[in-house]
C-alpha atoms as a PDB file:
ATOM      1  CA  MET A   1      84.143  16.446 -14.894  1.00  0.00           C
ATOM      2  CA  GLN A   2      80.625  15.041 -14.201  1.00  0.00           C
ATOM      3  CA  THR A   3      79.775  13.923 -10.699  1.00  0.00           C
ATOM      4  CA  ILE A   4      76.792  12.134  -9.124  1.00  0.00           C
ATOM      5  CA  GLY A   5      74.275  14.532  -7.617  1.00  0.00           C
ATOM      6  CA  LEU A   6      73.554  12.679  -4.363  1.00  0.00           C
ATOM      7  CA  GLY A   7      70.341  13.868  -2.760  1.00  0.00           C
ATOM      8  CA  GLU A   8      69.541  16.244  -5.636  1.00  0.00           C
ATOM      9  CA  SER A   9      65.797  16.019  -6.428  1.00  0.00           C
ATOM     10  CA  ASP A  10      65.447  19.209  -8.446  1.00  0.00           C
ATOM     11  CA  PHE A  11      65.667  18.537 -12.247  1.00  0.00           C
ATOM     12  CA  LYS A  12      67.014  21.978 -12.962  1.00  0.00           C
ATOM     13  CA  GLY A  13      69.733  21.737 -10.341  1.00  0.00           C
ATOM     14  CA  LEU A  14      70.762  18.370 -11.701  1.00  0.00           C
ATOM     15  CA  ARG A  15      71.021  19.639 -15.270  1.00  0.00           C
ATOM     16  CA  THR A  16      72.627  23.024 -14.662  1.00  0.00           C
ATOM     17  CA  ARG A  17      75.317  21.533 -12.400  1.00  0.00           C
ATOM     18  CA  ASP A  18      76.103  18.895 -15.066  1.00  0.00           C
ATOM     19  CA  TYR A  19      75.545  15.976 -12.742  1.00  0.00           C
ATOM     20  CA  TYR A  20      75.125  12.535 -14.155  1.00  0.00           C
ATOM     21  CA  TYR A  21      71.522  12.065 -15.343  1.00  0.00           C
ATOM     22  CA  ILE A  22      69.877   8.826 -16.503  1.00  0.00           C
ATOM     23  CA  ASP A  23      67.489  10.011 -19.181  1.00  0.00           C
ATOM     24  CA  LYS A  24      63.991   9.371 -18.028  1.00  0.00           C
ATOM     25  CA  THR A  25      62.260  11.954 -20.160  1.00  0.00           C
ATOM     26  CA  MET A  26      60.316   9.383 -22.154  1.00  0.00           C
ATOM     27  CA  TYR A  27      58.243   9.240 -18.989  1.00  0.00           C
ATOM     28  CA  ILE A  28      56.847  12.619 -20.165  1.00  0.00           C
ATOM     29  CA  LYS A  29      55.589  10.888 -23.322  1.00  0.00           C
ATOM     30  CA  ASP A  30      53.913   8.176 -21.209  1.00  0.00           C
ATOM     31  CA  ILE A  31      52.108  10.797 -19.144  1.00  0.00           C
ATOM     32  CA  ILE A  32      50.884  12.576 -22.296  1.00  0.00           C
ATOM     33  CA  ASN A  33      49.742   9.299 -23.860  1.00  0.00           C
ATOM     34  CA  ASN A  34      47.969   8.092 -20.700  1.00  0.00           C
ATOM     35  CA  GLY A  35      44.194   8.513 -21.072  1.00  0.00           C
ATOM     36  CA  SER A  36      43.501   8.740 -17.340  1.00  0.00           C
ATOM     37  CA  LYS A  37      42.700  12.124 -15.769  1.00  0.00           C
ATOM     38  CA  VAL A  38      44.306  11.015 -12.489  1.00  0.00           C
ATOM     39  CA  ILE A  39      47.580   9.027 -12.558  1.00  0.00           C
ATOM     40  CA  LEU A  40      48.857   7.593  -9.298  1.00  0.00           C
ATOM     41  CA  ILE A  41      52.480   6.476  -9.305  1.00  0.00           C
ATOM     42  CA  THR A  42      53.533   4.314  -6.287  1.00  0.00           C
ATOM     43  CA  ARG A  43      57.139   3.491  -5.787  1.00  0.00           C
ATOM     44  CA  PRO A  44      59.385   2.839  -2.706  1.00  0.00           C
ATOM     45  CA  ARG A  45      61.236   5.676  -1.087  1.00  0.00           C
ATOM     46  CA  ARG A  46      64.447   6.869  -2.777  1.00  0.00           C
ATOM     47  CA  PHE A  47      63.113   5.707  -6.115  1.00  0.00           C
ATOM     48  CA  GLY A  48      63.394   9.096  -7.838  1.00  0.00           C
ATOM     49  CA  LYS A  49      59.676  10.029  -7.662  1.00  0.00           C
ATOM     50  CA  THR A  50      60.325  13.651  -6.651  1.00  0.00           C
ATOM     51  CA  LEU A  51      62.966  14.120  -9.319  1.00  0.00           C
ATOM     52  CA  ASN A  52      60.542  12.878 -11.957  1.00  0.00           C
ATOM     53  CA  MET A  53      57.840  15.191 -10.706  1.00  0.00           C
ATOM     54  CA  SER A  54      60.307  18.066 -10.886  1.00  0.00           C
ATOM     55  CA  MET A  55      61.090  17.048 -14.453  1.00  0.00           C
ATOM     56  CA  LEU A  56      57.406  17.093 -15.357  1.00  0.00           C
ATOM     57  CA  ARG A  57      57.031  20.558 -13.859  1.00  0.00           C
ATOM     58  CA  TYR A  58      59.951  22.007 -15.776  1.00  0.00           C
ATOM     59  CA  TYR A  59      58.662  20.491 -18.983  1.00  0.00           C
ATOM     60  CA  PHE A  60      54.961  21.427 -18.799  1.00  0.00           C
ATOM     61  CA  ASP A  61      54.889  24.702 -16.797  1.00  0.00           C
ATOM     62  CA  ILE A  62      53.991  27.698 -18.875  1.00  0.00           C
ATOM     63  CA  ASN A  63      55.973  29.965 -16.583  1.00  0.00           C
ATOM     64  CA  VAL A  64      59.337  28.161 -16.924  1.00  0.00           C
ATOM     65  CA  LYS A  65      61.620  30.086 -19.279  1.00  0.00           C
ATOM     66  CA  ASP A  66      64.680  27.847 -19.759  1.00  0.00           C
ATOM     67  CA  SER A  67      63.113  24.471 -20.559  1.00  0.00           C
ATOM     68  CA  GLN A  68      64.674  24.259 -24.049  1.00  0.00           C
ATOM     69  CA  GLU A  69      68.105  24.368 -22.468  1.00  0.00           C
ATOM     70  CA  LEU A  70      67.296  22.003 -19.614  1.00  0.00           C
ATOM     71  CA  PHE A  71      65.939  19.327 -21.972  1.00  0.00           C
ATOM     72  CA  LYS A  72      68.535  19.833 -24.698  1.00  0.00           C
ATOM     73  CA  ASP A  73      69.852  16.489 -26.077  1.00  0.00           C
ATOM     74  CA  LEU A  74      67.372  14.424 -24.072  1.00  0.00           C
ATOM     75  CA  LYS A  75      65.120  11.817 -25.619  1.00  0.00           C
ATOM     76  CA  ILE A  76      61.853  13.763 -25.336  1.00  0.00           C
ATOM     77  CA  MET A  77      63.219  16.408 -27.715  1.00  0.00           C
ATOM     78  CA  GLU A  78      63.583  13.754 -30.460  1.00  0.00           C
ATOM     79  CA  GLN A  79      59.848  13.001 -30.384  1.00  0.00           C
ATOM     80  CA  ASP A  80      57.103  14.294 -32.699  1.00  0.00           C
ATOM     81  CA  GLU A  81      55.533  17.693 -32.321  1.00  0.00           C
ATOM     82  CA  GLU A  82      52.599  16.005 -30.545  1.00  0.00           C
ATOM     83  CA  TYR A  83      54.922  15.834 -27.557  1.00  0.00           C
ATOM     84  CA  THR A  84      57.379  18.683 -27.962  1.00  0.00           C
ATOM     85  CA  SER A  85      54.552  21.144 -28.430  1.00  0.00           C
ATOM     86  CA  LYS A  86      53.487  20.481 -24.834  1.00  0.00           C
ATOM     87  CA  MET A  87      56.694  22.030 -23.489  1.00  0.00           C
ATOM     88  CA  ASN A  88      55.772  25.130 -21.419  1.00  0.00           C
ATOM     89  CA  TYR A  89      52.134  24.713 -22.522  1.00  0.00           C
ATOM     90  CA  TYR A  90      50.141  24.242 -19.345  1.00  0.00           C
ATOM     91  CA  PRO A  91      49.761  26.346 -16.202  1.00  0.00           C
ATOM     92  CA  CYS A  92      50.989  24.072 -13.444  1.00  0.00           C
ATOM     93  CA  ILE A  93      50.264  23.527  -9.744  1.00  0.00           C
ATOM     94  CA  TYR A  94      52.891  21.673  -7.849  1.00  0.00           C
ATOM     95  CA  ILE A  95      52.538  20.641  -4.234  1.00  0.00           C
ATOM     96  CA  THR A  96      54.531  18.246  -2.026  1.00  0.00           C
ATOM     97  CA  LEU A  97      53.184  16.902   1.241  1.00  0.00           C
ATOM     98  CA  LYS A  98      56.398  15.351   2.427  1.00  0.00           C
ATOM     99  CA  ASP A  99      56.479  17.733   5.445  1.00  0.00           C
ATOM    100  CA  ALA A 100      52.737  17.537   6.255  1.00  0.00           C
ATOM    101  CA  GLY A 101      52.927  14.663   8.790  1.00  0.00           C
ATOM    102  CA  LEU A 102      53.269  15.895  12.353  1.00  0.00           C
ATOM    103  CA  MET A 103      52.575  14.902  15.975  1.00  0.00           C
ATOM    104  CA  ASN A 104      48.854  15.543  16.015  1.00  0.00           C
ATOM    105  CA  TYR A 105      45.900  16.505  13.804  1.00  0.00           C
ATOM    106  CA  GLU A 106      45.952  20.219  14.677  1.00  0.00           C
ATOM    107  CA  LEU A 107      49.673  20.580  13.853  1.00  0.00           C
ATOM    108  CA  MET A 108      49.161  18.650  10.591  1.00  0.00           C
ATOM    109  CA  ILE A 109      46.417  21.126   9.494  1.00  0.00           C
ATOM    110  CA  MET A 110      48.590  24.080  10.443  1.00  0.00           C
ATOM    111  CA  GLN A 111      51.499  22.683   8.393  1.00  0.00           C
ATOM    112  CA  LEU A 112      49.156  22.007   5.438  1.00  0.00           C
ATOM    113  CA  LYS A 113      47.955  25.625   5.585  1.00  0.00           C
ATOM    114  CA  THR A 114      51.635  26.724   5.369  1.00  0.00           C
ATOM    115  CA  ILE A 115      52.207  24.447   2.354  1.00  0.00           C
ATOM    116  CA  ILE A 116      49.125  25.756   0.556  1.00  0.00           C
ATOM    117  CA  MET A 117      50.126  29.343   1.464  1.00  0.00           C
ATOM    118  CA  GLU A 118      53.532  28.801  -0.234  1.00  0.00           C
ATOM    119  CA  MET A 119      51.820  27.305  -3.261  1.00  0.00           C
ATOM    120  CA  TYR A 120      49.600  30.354  -3.561  1.00  0.00           C
ATOM    121  CA  TYR A 121      52.567  32.710  -3.082  1.00  0.00           C
ATOM    122  CA  GLU A 122      54.060  31.313  -6.294  1.00  0.00           C
ATOM    123  CA  GLN A 123      50.894  32.432  -8.101  1.00  0.00           C
ATOM    124  CA  LYS A 124      50.508  35.799  -6.233  1.00  0.00           C
ATOM    125  CA  PHE A 125      50.572  37.736  -9.517  1.00  0.00           C
ATOM    126  CA  LEU A 126      47.017  36.401 -10.176  1.00  0.00           C
ATOM    127  CA  LEU A 127      45.704  38.934  -7.530  1.00  0.00           C
ATOM    128  CA  GLU A 128      46.564  41.801  -9.845  1.00  0.00           C
ATOM    129  CA  LYS A 129      46.128  40.165 -13.249  1.00  0.00           C
ATOM    130  CA  ALA A 130      43.358  37.571 -13.071  1.00  0.00           C
ATOM    131  CA  GLU A 131      39.593  37.997 -12.907  1.00  0.00           C
ATOM    132  CA  MET A 132      38.160  36.648  -9.657  1.00  0.00           C
ATOM    133  CA  THR A 133      34.907  36.875  -7.791  1.00  0.00           C
ATOM    134  CA  ASP A 134      34.931  38.835  -4.532  1.00  0.00           C
ATOM    135  CA  GLY A 135      34.719  35.506  -2.631  1.00  0.00           C
ATOM    136  CA  GLU A 136      37.688  34.056  -4.540  1.00  0.00           C
ATOM    137  CA  ARG A 137      39.793  37.158  -3.891  1.00  0.00           C
ATOM    138  CA  GLU A 138      38.947  37.148  -0.221  1.00  0.00           C
ATOM    139  CA  ALA A 139      39.823  33.433   0.087  1.00  0.00           C
ATOM    140  CA  PHE A 140      43.065  34.012  -1.854  1.00  0.00           C
ATOM    141  CA  ASN A 141      44.095  36.692   0.578  1.00  0.00           C
ATOM    142  CA  ARG A 142      43.159  34.608   3.579  1.00  0.00           C
ATOM    143  CA  ILE A 143      45.352  31.807   2.325  1.00  0.00           C
ATOM    144  CA  LEU A 144      48.239  34.146   1.636  1.00  0.00           C
ATOM    145  CA  GLY A 145      47.870  35.663   5.111  1.00  0.00           C
ATOM    146  CA  ALA A 146      47.908  32.252   6.831  1.00  0.00           C
ATOM    147  CA  LYS A 147      44.339  32.844   7.918  1.00  0.00           C
ATOM    148  CA  ALA A 148      42.666  30.122   5.847  1.00  0.00           C
ATOM    149  CA  ASN A 149      39.711  28.287   7.388  1.00  0.00           C
ATOM    150  CA  ASP A 150      38.971  24.610   6.796  1.00  0.00           C
ATOM    151  CA  VAL A 151      36.694  25.391   3.882  1.00  0.00           C
ATOM    152  CA  ASP A 152      39.396  27.550   2.262  1.00  0.00           C
ATOM    153  CA  LEU A 153      41.853  24.707   2.673  1.00  0.00           C
ATOM    154  CA  ILE A 154      39.597  22.025   1.273  1.00  0.00           C
ATOM    155  CA  ASN A 155      38.807  24.164  -1.797  1.00  0.00           C
ATOM    156  CA  SER A 156      42.247  25.718  -2.218  1.00  0.00           C
ATOM    157  CA  ILE A 157      43.602  23.619  -5.153  1.00  0.00           C
ATOM    158  CA  LYS A 158      40.367  23.529  -7.069  1.00  0.00           C
ATOM    159  CA  MET A 159      39.899  27.297  -6.703  1.00  0.00           C
ATOM    160  CA  LEU A 160      43.514  27.972  -7.769  1.00  0.00           C
ATOM    161  CA  SER A 161      43.096  25.669 -10.776  1.00  0.00           C
ATOM    162  CA  LYS A 162      39.934  27.514 -11.755  1.00  0.00           C
ATOM    163  CA  ILE A 163      41.623  30.910 -11.606  1.00  0.00           C
ATOM    164  CA  LEU A 164      44.634  29.650 -13.563  1.00  0.00           C
ATOM    165  CA  ASN A 165      42.406  27.980 -16.182  1.00  0.00           C
ATOM    166  CA  LYS A 166      40.430  31.198 -16.675  1.00  0.00           C
ATOM    167  CA  TYR A 167      43.555  33.403 -16.832  1.00  0.00           C
ATOM    168  CA  TYR A 168      45.530  31.312 -19.297  1.00  0.00           C
ATOM    169  CA  GLU A 169      42.505  29.788 -21.129  1.00  0.00           C
ATOM    170  CA  LYS A 170      44.161  26.409 -20.808  1.00  0.00           C
ATOM    171  CA  PRO A 171      43.611  23.430 -18.559  1.00  0.00           C
ATOM    172  CA  VAL A 172      45.922  23.048 -15.599  1.00  0.00           C
ATOM    173  CA  MET A 173      48.458  20.270 -14.924  1.00  0.00           C
ATOM    174  CA  LEU A 174      48.410  19.288 -11.254  1.00  0.00           C
ATOM    175  CA  LEU A 175      51.408  17.520  -9.649  1.00  0.00           C
ATOM    176  CA  VAL A 176      51.037  16.182  -6.106  1.00  0.00           C
ATOM    177  CA  ASP A 177      54.182  14.590  -4.578  1.00  0.00           C
ATOM    178  CA  GLU A 178      54.159  12.311  -1.501  1.00  0.00           C
ATOM    179  CA  TYR A 179      50.351  12.335  -1.171  1.00  0.00           C
ATOM    180  CA  ASP A 180      50.360   9.645   1.545  1.00  0.00           C
ATOM    181  CA  VAL A 181      52.924  11.079   3.996  1.00  0.00           C
ATOM    182  CA  PRO A 182      50.238  12.835   6.174  1.00  0.00           C
ATOM    183  CA  LEU A 183      48.195   9.626   6.370  1.00  0.00           C
ATOM    184  CA  GLN A 184      51.171   7.413   7.160  1.00  0.00           C
ATOM    185  CA  ASN A 185      52.185   9.720  10.017  1.00  0.00           C
ATOM    186  CA  ALA A 186      48.644  10.024  11.219  1.00  0.00           C
ATOM    187  CA  TYR A 187      48.447   6.249  11.532  1.00  0.00           C
ATOM    188  CA  ILE A 188      51.682   6.112  13.460  1.00  0.00           C
ATOM    189  CA  LYS A 189      50.789   9.019  15.746  1.00  0.00           C
ATOM    190  CA  GLY A 190      47.219   7.913  16.442  1.00  0.00           C
ATOM    191  CA  TYR A 191      45.005  10.403  14.633  1.00  0.00           C
ATOM    192  CA  TYR A 192      44.395   8.449  11.453  1.00  0.00           C
ATOM    193  CA  LYS A 193      40.563   8.587  11.684  1.00  0.00           C
ATOM    194  CA  GLU A 194      40.546  12.392  11.727  1.00  0.00           C
ATOM    195  CA  ALA A 195      43.179  12.592   9.003  1.00  0.00           C
ATOM    196  CA  ILE A 196      41.431  10.174   6.582  1.00  0.00           C
ATOM    197  CA  GLU A 197      38.150  11.974   6.941  1.00  0.00           C
ATOM    198  CA  PHE A 198      39.809  15.278   6.105  1.00  0.00           C
ATOM    199  CA  PHE A 199      41.777  14.022   3.157  1.00  0.00           C
ATOM    200  CA  LYS A 200      38.838  12.152   1.654  1.00  0.00           C
ATOM    201  CA  THR A 201      37.121  15.482   1.334  1.00  0.00           C
ATOM    202  CA  PHE A 202      40.284  17.431   0.423  1.00  0.00           C
ATOM    203  CA  TYR A 203      41.299  14.994  -2.334  1.00  0.00           C
ATOM    204  CA  GLY A 204      37.710  14.439  -3.473  1.00  0.00           C
ATOM    205  CA  VAL A 205      37.138  18.155  -4.105  1.00  0.00           C
ATOM    206  CA  THR A 206      40.561  18.517  -5.675  1.00  0.00           C
ATOM    207  CA  PHE A 207      40.548  15.539  -8.080  1.00  0.00           C
ATOM    208  CA  LYS A 208      37.025  14.320  -8.664  1.00  0.00           C
ATOM    209  CA  ASP A 209      35.305  15.946 -11.654  1.00  0.00           C
ATOM    210  CA  ASN A 210      37.527  19.035 -11.476  1.00  0.00           C
ATOM    211  CA  PRO A 211      36.820  20.540 -14.941  1.00  0.00           C
ATOM    212  CA  TYR A 212      39.823  22.823 -14.835  1.00  0.00           C
ATOM    213  CA  LEU A 213      42.520  20.149 -14.894  1.00  0.00           C
ATOM    214  CA  GLU A 214      44.217  18.513 -17.888  1.00  0.00           C
ATOM    215  CA  LYS A 215      45.802  15.727 -15.737  1.00  0.00           C
ATOM    216  CA  THR A 216      46.698  15.084 -12.118  1.00  0.00           C
ATOM    217  CA  VAL A 217      49.880  13.143 -11.462  1.00  0.00           C
ATOM    218  CA  ILE A 218      50.258  11.868  -7.894  1.00  0.00           C
ATOM    219  CA  THR A 219      53.175  10.061  -6.250  1.00  0.00           C
ATOM    220  CA  GLY A 220      53.492   8.142  -3.043  1.00  0.00           C
ATOM    221  CA  VAL A 221      54.560   4.877  -1.431  1.00  0.00           C
ATOM    222  CA  SER A 222      51.131   3.451  -0.691  1.00  0.00           C
ATOM    223  CA  ARG A 223      48.928   1.725  -3.172  1.00  0.00           C
ATOM    224  CA  VAL A 224      45.206   2.333  -2.694  1.00  0.00           C
ATOM    225  CA  ALA A 225      42.369  -0.033  -1.960  1.00  0.00           C
ATOM    226  CA  LYS A 226      38.777  -0.099  -3.116  1.00  0.00           C
ATOM    227  CA  GLU A 227      37.715   2.241  -0.336  1.00  0.00           C
ATOM    228  CA  SER A 228      40.383   4.649  -1.501  1.00  0.00           C
ATOM    229  CA  ILE A 229      40.398   8.404  -1.207  1.00  0.00           C
ATOM    230  CA  PHE A 230      40.840   8.343  -4.948  1.00  0.00           C
ATOM    231  CA  SER A 231      38.397   7.173  -7.567  1.00  0.00           C
ATOM    232  CA  ARG A 232      38.920   6.284 -11.238  1.00  0.00           C
ATOM    233  CA  SER A 233      42.677   6.727 -10.999  1.00  0.00           C
ATOM    234  CA  LYS A 234      45.195   4.801 -13.020  1.00  0.00           C
ATOM    235  CA  GLN A 235      48.101   3.360 -11.012  1.00  0.00           C
ATOM    236  CA  PHE A 236      51.597   2.949 -12.509  1.00  0.00           C
END
């Protein structure tokens, strides 16, 4: 008997446990059709943003092995090859910043280093299999060893996307969930000026003119203004 998966934000968990699922897989088709390189999706909390990002990851990620079963009988599998051929096609980078807002700027940076470290650990195999410059390999090891400096942190996603792009010879799909949590907490805790200066650089290096990315999909609560940390992004 099917039940409602309260609090379940992992697409695979939802599908393998046979919870009720409202089919939102046509959202994948919308992402593929969207001509923007950076897509910002702003919705209120508890609106299913993280579940949708998880769904995108399981669909696009080249390293996921059971996507055919997970998406069986869902709408996206009824679409043309233009869309179904993108299943498990792209190397993917997924990062969530929901836990990156802390009491002060120093703790926020420490937590962000941990989040980036975990992201790199998922791609640890690249150290043995991928071609890297000596500088890239040293930075990769610093990040894995929780010894990243500020420059490593700022360049971490762009460097990883470059390595993945070169290894797979395909552009990378970047998924960033809860992009605005650190900034919201910084505003509340009183270190917004430091945080916004950091994230303008961090997001600028990551998103702007990054030649290794196919698309970047970003979720959050906050819509952005003209002086945004993003540029040329399409908002849903």
